[in-house]
Amino acid sequence: MTLDAPAADRLTIALATVAAVPVTPFAGDGSPDWDAHARIITRMIDAGVTVITPNGNTGEFSTLTTAEVRRATESALAAAAGRATVLAGVGHDIPAAIAAGEHAQAAGAEMIMVHQPVSPYLSADGWVDYHQAIASALPGLGVVLYIRDARIGGRHIARLGELCPNVLGVKYGVRDPVQFAAVARDAGADRFTWLAGAAELTAPACWSAGARGFTSGLVNVAPQLALSMLAALRDGDLPDAMKVWDLVRPFEELRAADASADNVSVVKEALGQLGLCRPDVRPPSRPLPGPVRTRIAEILASWGMQP
């Protein structure tokens, strides 16, 4: 089955929002806590989130087994219960990504997000080939590209869009709004839905250059902050958007420090302090030291959030 034009248009519009990337909570024995996973997703949807991305980087995708990745997709779909669009993360080798996409589609997902290939030997042309193979094998799914390498230029994205009409969106995770603006224009600002892939701190600058949504891990903790930034950006109210930017900056800078070493740990620690799940992460992430945990408690208090 091939994605038809009305469905593609509907999904393209649906992507223009906060794409929430839920954590994968773990139980005391290290296994995923699917009840907590469902509760966190339900809490975000109840707050107004309309796109959920299980198996994203904030979900510790690279540490999950194949079975856990599939269960995360199923858990997100069950929790969404038709109230939100599920954008399932897939990746690793091409057959594994295709199999994960087939599973997601069979479970009820309409879109997948393809993680950037993890090979140390990535060429831009090879990147196109990788995504073409996946998107072409899954013509009935909308496909969102996840780009974290500045070597992937607008011409590569444009070529992929020509080859695969089901490529609908781009999550641009390079933290450079000038680069974002150039890539979006070279690829086709109107051909794809562009998401600021480095979350709230890049969203206002990328919005001015054509982004119409952004991804968020913060939304696990404080969905009202992410959604209020989205509302301000949609209203063209940059001062209000920057007020939210100022509020979330300390939290997001903790996540970005040391090449984002504690990106997930900070989110899970905040959730742990709020009693929503355990703060446990899998290596190569780490438990946070005491001073960082204290700083997170201070930030939550500044947002008026208490356990």
Foldseek 3Di string as FASTA:
>chain_A
DAADDVNLVVVQVQQLAAAEEEAFFADPVGHTDLVLLLVLLLVLVVVPAAEYEYLDVLNVNVPDDLVVLLVRLLSNCVSCVVSHAYAYEAEEALVRRLVSVVSSVVSPHQHYEYEQYPDPDDDLVVSLVSVLSNLVSCRRHQYEYEDADLNNALVSLLVSCVSHVSDAAYAYAHQDLVSLLRRCVSNPLPRHAYEPELPLLRVVSNLVSRHSYYYDHCCSQPVVLRRQLNVCSVVVNVVSNVVSVVLCVVLSVVCPPPNRLCVNLSSLLSCVQLVSHHSDDDPPRDHDDDVSSVVSVVSCVVVVGGD
